Amino acid sequence: MLDLARLRALHAVHTHGSVGAAATALGYTPSAVSQQITKLERETRTTLLERQGRGVALTDAAQLLVATAQQLLSIVEEAEVALEEQRGRPAGRLTVAAFPTAARGLLPGVLARLTAEHPSLDLRLVEQDPHRSVELVARGVVDLAVAHDWDIAPLPAPEGLERAAIGEDPCDVLVPAGHALATRPGIVRDDLLDARWICQPPGTVCHDWLLRTLRSSGAEPEVAYHVAEYQTQLALVAAGLGIALVPRLGRGPLPDEVTAVPLDPTPVRGLFALWRTGASRRPAITETVRVLREHWPPRSW
C-alpha cells in the first residue's frame, strides 16, 4: 500500500524542482522530505531520485508515481471539499500564493480577518510571481492564488481554473525629486522614451508591460537596473539613478527624494483570484475571495 504523504512529498519535489523547495512548500524540513522519499523507495523497491549536479532528478519510475499522486491528491481534494461544504463553514488548510506587493499590501489584513473569524481554517501563504502561482494552482500545490496582469499583457490561465476580479491597481511614474518631470502635473508616454529605467527582471509581468508599452510608441526602453523588489527600486530612484513605474499596492510612503507623477493614460494592473474549478464549492475559497474583495482598495492608498 503506497503512503499518500510520501507520494505528496515526491509530487512536491517534481513540482518545485528540489527537495529544499518542496520542503518549504509543504512546511517541512528538507530532511523530513528526504526521509519520506527514502521510505517510498523502500516501499516500491525502486530508485526515485538521482543526483544531478547539485540537485536531483526524478527517474522514469518516479514520473509514473507523480502522475498517480496527482490523481490521488485530486480525489482527496474532492473529498475534502465535500466535507467542508457539508459543514457549511471554512475549515482545513488553505494555502494561498500571492505576488510580493499583494503579500505585503493586501494579504496581512485579509489573513488576519479570516483567522479571527474562522478558527478552524489553517491559512498558509506562499510568495510567488503570478506566472508561477498560476502553475502552482493548476498543479494542486496551492489552493488559491492572488495574481495580476495588464490590459496589453494578459496572464493566461490553464483550463480547469476559475477566476474572480479583486480590483484595479493604478501605477505612477516615480522620478527623483530634482528630475525635469518632477514638477509636471502629468505626463504622457512620449515623455518617457529617452528615460533610463529601473524595472523588474525580464520574464516578469511588469517588465513585459513596460517593454510592450514603450515599443508601441516606437522606442526601445533603456532598462539600466533590473530589480525585483519595489522598495529597492524606490531607493535607486531616490539616489537619482533612473525612473520607475510602480503600482500603489504595497508601495508605502515615498521618501522626500522621490516624486510620483501621473501618467496619461494611467497604467492599471488588474488583481484577481484563481482556484481550481473542482474547489469552487469549498467555503474556504468563497469566503477568502469575498474578504479579498472587501479589503480592496487597501487603506494605505
Protein backbone atom coordinates (compact mmCIF):
# COMPACT_ATOMS: atom_id res chain seq x y z
CA MET A 1 0.00 0.00 0.00
CA LEU A 2 1.51 3.32 -1.07
CA ASP A 3 1.55 6.02 1.58
CA LEU A 4 -0.19 9.25 0.48
CA ALA A 5 2.09 11.53 2.50
CA ARG A 6 5.13 10.05 0.77
CA LEU A 7 3.54 10.41 -2.63
CA ARG A 8 2.74 14.02 -1.75
CA ALA A 9 6.40 14.63 -0.92
CA LEU A 10 7.53 13.17 -4.25
CA HIS A 11 4.90 15.21 -6.09
CA ALA A 12 6.19 18.37 -4.36
CA VAL A 13 9.78 17.66 -5.43
CA HIS A 14 8.57 17.23 -9.00
CA THR A 15 6.56 20.46 -8.86
CA HIS A 16 9.14 22.67 -7.15
CA GLY A 17 12.29 21.19 -8.65
CA SER A 18 14.25 20.41 -5.49
CA VAL A 19 13.95 18.83 -2.07
CA GLY A 20 14.53 22.17 -0.35
CA ALA A 21 11.83 23.98 -2.33
CA ALA A 22 9.41 21.09 -1.77
CA ALA A 23 10.07 21.27 1.97
CA THR A 24 9.30 25.00 2.01
CA ALA A 25 6.02 24.47 0.15
CA LEU A 26 4.92 21.62 2.43
CA GLY A 27 6.03 23.29 5.65
CA TYR A 28 8.55 20.52 6.44
CA THR A 29 12.30 20.38 6.79
CA PRO A 30 14.36 19.13 3.81
CA SER A 31 15.40 16.18 5.98
CA ALA A 32 11.76 15.21 6.55
CA VAL A 33 11.02 15.30 2.81
CA SER A 34 14.11 13.20 2.06
CA GLN A 35 13.05 10.66 4.66
CA GLN A 36 9.57 10.39 3.14
CA ILE A 37 11.02 9.71 -0.30
CA THR A 38 13.55 7.21 1.07
CA LYS A 39 10.69 5.29 2.68
CA LEU A 40 8.77 5.42 -0.59
CA GLU A 41 11.78 3.99 -2.40
CA ARG A 42 11.84 1.11 0.09
CA GLU A 43 8.12 0.50 -0.36
CA THR A 44 8.41 0.41 -4.14
CA ARG A 45 11.89 -1.17 -4.27
CA THR A 46 12.69 1.49 -6.86
CA THR A 47 15.13 4.38 -7.13
CA LEU A 48 13.10 7.57 -7.40
CA LEU A 49 15.67 10.36 -7.18
CA GLU A 50 19.08 10.57 -8.80
CA ARG A 51 21.83 13.09 -8.17
CA GLN A 52 22.22 15.61 -10.99
CA GLY A 53 24.89 18.19 -10.34
CA ARG A 54 23.96 19.93 -7.10
CA GLY A 55 20.32 18.92 -7.39
CA VAL A 56 18.22 15.83 -8.03
CA ALA A 57 16.30 14.45 -10.98
CA LEU A 58 13.26 12.17 -10.94
CA THR A 59 13.68 8.75 -12.51
CA ASP A 60 11.17 7.33 -15.02
CA ALA A 61 9.60 5.29 -12.22
CA ALA A 62 9.22 8.46 -10.15
CA GLN A 63 7.46 10.20 -13.03
CA LEU A 64 4.91 7.38 -13.11
CA LEU A 65 4.31 7.74 -9.39
CA VAL A 66 3.95 11.51 -9.74
CA ALA A 67 1.12 11.01 -12.22
CA THR A 68 -0.56 8.61 -9.80
CA ALA A 69 -0.01 11.04 -6.93
CA GLN A 70 -1.71 13.81 -8.90
CA GLN A 71 -4.80 11.65 -9.40
CA LEU A 72 -4.92 10.63 -5.75
CA LEU A 73 -4.45 14.17 -4.48
CA SER A 74 -7.30 15.32 -6.73
CA ILE A 75 -9.56 12.65 -5.26
CA VAL A 76 -8.57 13.68 -1.73
CA GLU A 77 -9.29 17.30 -2.57
CA GLU A 78 -12.76 16.40 -3.83
CA ALA A 79 -13.48 14.57 -0.59
CA GLU A 80 -12.21 17.48 1.50
CA VAL A 81 -14.34 19.94 -0.47
CA ALA A 82 -17.44 17.76 0.01
CA LEU A 83 -16.88 17.51 3.77
CA GLU A 84 -16.25 21.22 4.17
CA GLU A 85 -19.30 22.02 2.06
CA GLN A 86 -21.41 19.75 4.27
CA ARG A 87 -20.20 21.59 7.39
CA GLY A 88 -21.05 24.89 5.71
CA ARG A 89 -18.09 26.81 7.12
CA PRO A 90 -14.43 27.35 6.13
CA ALA A 91 -12.14 24.74 7.63
CA GLY A 92 -8.96 22.81 6.96
CA ARG A 93 -5.75 24.04 5.36
CA LEU A 94 -5.88 26.73 2.70
CA THR A 95 -2.61 27.65 1.00
CA VAL A 96 -2.58 30.99 -0.79
CA ALA A 97 0.06 32.11 -3.28
CA ALA A 98 0.48 35.85 -3.82
CA PHE A 99 2.94 38.12 -5.60
CA PRO A 100 5.18 40.23 -3.31
CA THR A 101 3.27 43.53 -3.23
CA ALA A 102 -0.03 41.74 -2.62
CA ALA A 103 1.61 39.67 0.11
CA ARG A 104 2.73 42.91 1.76
CA GLY A 105 -0.05 45.37 0.94
CA LEU A 106 -3.23 43.25 0.88
CA LEU A 107 -2.87 39.81 2.42
CA PRO A 108 -1.94 40.69 6.05
CA GLY A 109 -5.34 42.25 6.74
CA VAL A 110 -7.20 39.56 4.80
CA LEU A 111 -5.45 36.66 6.54
CA ALA A 112 -5.84 38.26 9.97
CA ARG A 113 -9.58 38.69 9.48
CA LEU A 114 -10.07 35.15 8.17
CA THR A 115 -8.06 33.72 11.07
CA ALA A 116 -10.11 35.65 13.63
CA GLU A 117 -13.49 34.78 12.10
CA HIS A 118 -12.77 31.16 11.17
CA PRO A 119 -10.57 29.44 13.79
CA SER A 120 -10.96 26.07 12.04
CA LEU A 121 -9.24 27.47 8.93
CA ASP A 122 -5.48 26.79 8.75
CA LEU A 123 -4.12 29.52 6.46
CA ARG A 124 -0.72 29.37 4.74
CA LEU A 125 0.93 31.95 2.49
CA VAL A 126 3.49 31.40 -0.29
CA GLU A 127 5.06 34.36 -2.10
CA GLN A 128 5.30 33.74 -5.84
CA ASP A 129 5.37 35.66 -9.12
CA PRO A 130 1.99 35.50 -10.93
CA HIS A 131 3.23 33.19 -13.72
CA ARG A 132 4.45 30.69 -11.15
CA SER A 133 1.44 30.96 -8.85
CA VAL A 134 -1.00 30.12 -11.65
CA GLU A 135 1.01 26.99 -12.39
CA LEU A 136 1.01 26.01 -8.71
CA VAL A 137 -2.79 26.31 -8.52
CA ALA A 138 -3.21 24.24 -11.69
CA ARG A 139 -0.97 21.50 -10.27
CA GLY A 140 -2.79 21.43 -6.95
CA VAL A 141 0.20 22.62 -4.93
CA VAL A 142 -1.64 25.69 -3.61
CA ASP A 143 -5.37 26.20 -3.25
CA LEU A 144 -5.77 29.81 -4.34
CA ALA A 145 -3.58 32.45 -5.98
CA VAL A 146 -3.75 36.22 -5.93
CA ALA A 147 -2.27 37.27 -9.27
CA HIS A 148 -2.25 40.28 -11.58
CA ASP A 149 -1.93 41.17 -15.24
CA TRP A 150 -2.11 44.20 -17.54
CA ASP A 151 -4.51 45.02 -20.35
CA ILE A 152 -1.82 44.62 -23.02
CA ALA A 153 -0.14 41.68 -21.26
CA PRO A 154 -2.92 39.34 -20.05
CA LEU A 155 -1.89 36.39 -17.94
CA PRO A 156 -3.15 33.13 -19.47
CA ALA A 157 -4.82 30.64 -17.16
CA PRO A 158 -4.91 26.91 -17.89
CA GLU A 159 -8.18 25.09 -18.41
CA GLY A 160 -9.78 23.93 -15.20
CA LEU A 161 -9.24 27.16 -13.24
CA GLU A 162 -11.78 29.75 -12.17
CA ARG A 163 -11.01 33.42 -11.59
CA ALA A 164 -12.67 36.39 -9.90
CA ALA A 165 -11.66 40.03 -10.15
CA ILE A 166 -10.46 41.68 -6.94
CA GLY A 167 -9.70 45.24 -8.04
CA GLU A 168 -7.52 47.53 -10.14
CA ASP A 169 -4.13 48.82 -9.01
CA PRO A 170 -3.09 52.12 -10.65
CA CYS A 171 0.60 52.87 -11.24
CA ASP A 172 2.59 56.10 -11.12
CA VAL A 173 5.90 57.11 -12.66
CA LEU A 174 8.37 57.69 -9.84
CA VAL A 175 11.18 60.16 -10.57
CA PRO A 176 13.92 61.79 -8.48
CA ALA A 177 12.69 64.99 -6.84
CA GLY A 178 15.09 67.07 -8.95
CA HIS A 179 14.15 65.41 -12.24
CA ALA A 180 12.82 67.55 -15.12
CA LEU A 181 9.49 65.66 -14.98
CA ALA A 182 9.04 66.08 -11.21
CA THR A 183 7.22 69.45 -11.49
CA ARG A 184 4.87 68.36 -14.28
CA PRO A 185 1.19 67.89 -13.31
CA GLY A 186 1.05 64.93 -15.66
CA ILE A 187 2.97 63.23 -18.45
CA VAL A 188 2.32 61.05 -21.50
CA ARG A 189 4.23 58.07 -22.81
CA ASP A 190 6.18 60.12 -25.33
CA ASP A 191 7.79 61.97 -22.40
CA LEU A 192 9.39 58.71 -21.28
CA LEU A 193 11.04 57.50 -24.48
CA ASP A 194 14.55 58.65 -23.55
CA ALA A 195 14.35 57.72 -19.88
CA ARG A 196 16.74 55.46 -18.01
CA TRP A 197 14.58 52.84 -16.34
CA ILE A 198 14.62 50.86 -13.13
CA CYS A 199 12.40 47.82 -13.67
CA GLN A 200 11.73 44.28 -12.58
CA PRO A 201 13.74 41.46 -14.23
CA PRO A 202 12.87 40.00 -17.65
CA GLY A 203 10.11 37.41 -17.59
CA THR A 204 8.00 39.25 -15.03
CA VAL A 205 4.61 40.75 -15.86
CA CYS A 206 5.72 44.31 -15.08
CA HIS A 207 8.82 44.04 -17.27
CA ASP A 208 6.78 42.67 -20.17
CA TRP A 209 4.29 45.52 -19.84
CA LEU A 210 7.00 48.21 -19.88
CA LEU A 211 8.67 46.82 -22.98
CA ARG A 212 5.43 46.37 -24.91
CA THR A 213 4.12 49.82 -23.97
CA LEU A 214 7.21 51.80 -24.94
CA ARG A 215 7.88 49.74 -28.04
CA SER A 216 4.36 50.55 -29.20
CA SER A 217 5.48 54.21 -29.19
CA GLY A 218 8.45 53.37 -31.38
CA ALA A 219 11.17 53.31 -28.74
CA GLU A 220 13.32 50.63 -27.16
CA PRO A 221 13.37 51.29 -23.39
CA GLU A 222 16.76 51.52 -21.71
CA VAL A 223 16.45 49.36 -18.61
CA ALA A 224 19.62 50.00 -16.66
CA TYR A 225 18.67 48.29 -13.40
CA HIS A 226 16.73 45.04 -13.10
CA VAL A 227 15.39 44.90 -9.55
CA ALA A 228 12.61 42.61 -8.31
CA GLU A 229 11.70 44.43 -5.10
CA TYR A 230 9.83 47.73 -5.40
CA GLN A 231 11.36 49.11 -2.21
CA THR A 232 14.80 48.70 -3.77
CA GLN A 233 13.55 50.43 -6.91
CA LEU A 234 12.46 53.35 -4.71
CA ALA A 235 15.93 53.53 -3.19
CA LEU A 236 17.53 53.66 -6.64
CA VAL A 237 15.12 56.38 -7.79
CA ALA A 238 15.87 58.36 -4.63
CA ALA A 239 19.57 58.12 -5.47
CA GLY A 240 18.88 59.73 -8.85
CA LEU A 241 19.78 56.66 -10.89
CA GLY A 242 16.64 56.46 -13.04
CA ILE A 243 12.85 56.40 -13.05
CA ALA A 244 10.43 53.58 -12.34
CA LEU A 245 6.81 52.66 -12.92
CA VAL A 246 5.50 51.44 -9.56
CA PRO A 247 1.98 50.28 -8.57
CA ARG A 248 0.42 51.80 -5.48
CA LEU A 249 -0.29 48.45 -3.81
CA GLY A 250 2.37 47.74 -1.21
CA ARG A 251 4.41 50.82 -2.22
CA GLY A 252 4.24 52.61 1.10
CA PRO A 253 5.11 56.27 1.75
CA LEU A 254 7.50 57.89 -0.71
CA PRO A 255 10.79 59.33 0.55
CA ASP A 256 11.35 63.08 0.14
CA GLU A 257 13.79 62.40 -2.70
CA VAL A 258 11.10 60.75 -4.85
CA THR A 259 8.10 62.30 -6.64
CA ALA A 260 5.12 60.44 -8.12
CA VAL A 261 3.96 61.84 -11.48
CA PRO A 262 0.63 60.74 -13.03
CA LEU A 263 0.88 59.12 -16.46
CA ASP A 264 -1.91 59.59 -19.02
CA PRO A 265 -3.42 57.12 -19.73
CA THR A 266 -2.91 55.70 -16.27
CA PRO A 267 -1.36 52.22 -16.30
CA VAL A 268 -3.54 49.83 -14.35
CA ARG A 269 -2.94 46.25 -13.42
CA GLY A 270 -5.88 44.05 -12.57
CA LEU A 271 -5.78 41.82 -9.49
CA PHE A 272 -7.71 38.57 -9.46
CA ALA A 273 -8.05 35.35 -7.51
CA LEU A 274 -7.58 31.95 -9.12
CA TRP A 275 -8.58 28.50 -7.91
CA ARG A 276 -9.34 25.06 -9.34
CA THR A 277 -12.85 24.55 -10.69
CA GLY A 278 -13.28 21.45 -8.54
CA ALA A 279 -12.86 23.56 -5.39
CA SER A 280 -15.39 26.23 -6.36
CA ARG A 281 -17.93 24.99 -3.78
CA ARG A 282 -15.41 24.98 -0.96
CA PRO A 283 -16.45 27.52 1.71
CA ALA A 284 -12.81 28.42 2.41
CA ILE A 285 -12.40 29.51 -1.22
CA THR A 286 -15.62 31.51 -1.48
CA GLU A 287 -15.04 33.21 1.88
CA THR A 288 -11.43 34.14 1.04
CA VAL A 289 -12.46 35.66 -2.28
CA ARG A 290 -15.22 37.63 -0.54
CA VAL A 291 -12.82 39.04 2.06
CA LEU A 292 -10.22 39.88 -0.60
CA ARG A 293 -12.80 41.98 -2.42
CA GLU A 294 -13.97 43.69 0.78
CA HIS A 295 -10.40 44.71 1.65
CA TRP A 296 -9.89 46.41 -1.74
CA PRO A 297 -8.60 49.06 -2.13
CA PRO A 298 -6.08 48.92 0.73
CA ARG A 299 -6.18 51.67 3.35
CA SER A 300 -2.55 52.57 2.62
CA TRP A 301 -3.50 54.33 -0.64
